[in-house]
Amino acid sequence: MSRLVRRVICSVISLVIVCSAIVGRATPTQAQDYKRIPLIGADFSGQDLTEADFTQAKLPKSNFSNANLQNVSLFGANLEDANLEGANLTYATISTARFTRANLKNAILEGVLAYNARFNGANIEGADFTDALLREDAQRLLCESATGTNPVTGRKTRETLYCED
């Protein structure tokens, strides 16, 4: 089998897997590797994506509301205008990810590795950042808009970010 034929077959298989994820038919055992894939506006709401790899994926305007994203890698991912309301990102790697104008309302970001992540204009009302590893300047920026209490953990956003009152 020629290299070209193998590449075409692999591309078609990958496309089928990605399309299944977009229409909400993927299960946690399918399509766990989304590295560098453009998934603009994809709907992952309510799905169990534990340990999925979204490294450098393009995810603007995607919907991850109420999704289980524990231990996922969103390293370098573009999540501008994405909806992560109520998502569980416990122990996720979100370093260098862009959450510009993202909705993180009531999200759980406990223990995330978030060095160099950008949160400009993000809604963090009720988000839980307990033990999150953030740069000091990012932590200060988040404190400017930190309000609310996470409905699952019962923790106040400002307290989890160690904001000064």
Foldseek 3Di string as FASTA:
>chain_A
DDPVVVVVVVVVVLVVQLVCQQVPNDACVTDLEQDQAEDEQGENDCHENEQREHAQYEYENHEHDLYEQDQYECHLYEHDQYEHHNYEHAQYENANYEDALYEDALYEHANYAHENYHNHNYHCAQYAHANYNYDPVRLVVCLVRFAHHRPPPRHGRCVNSVHDD
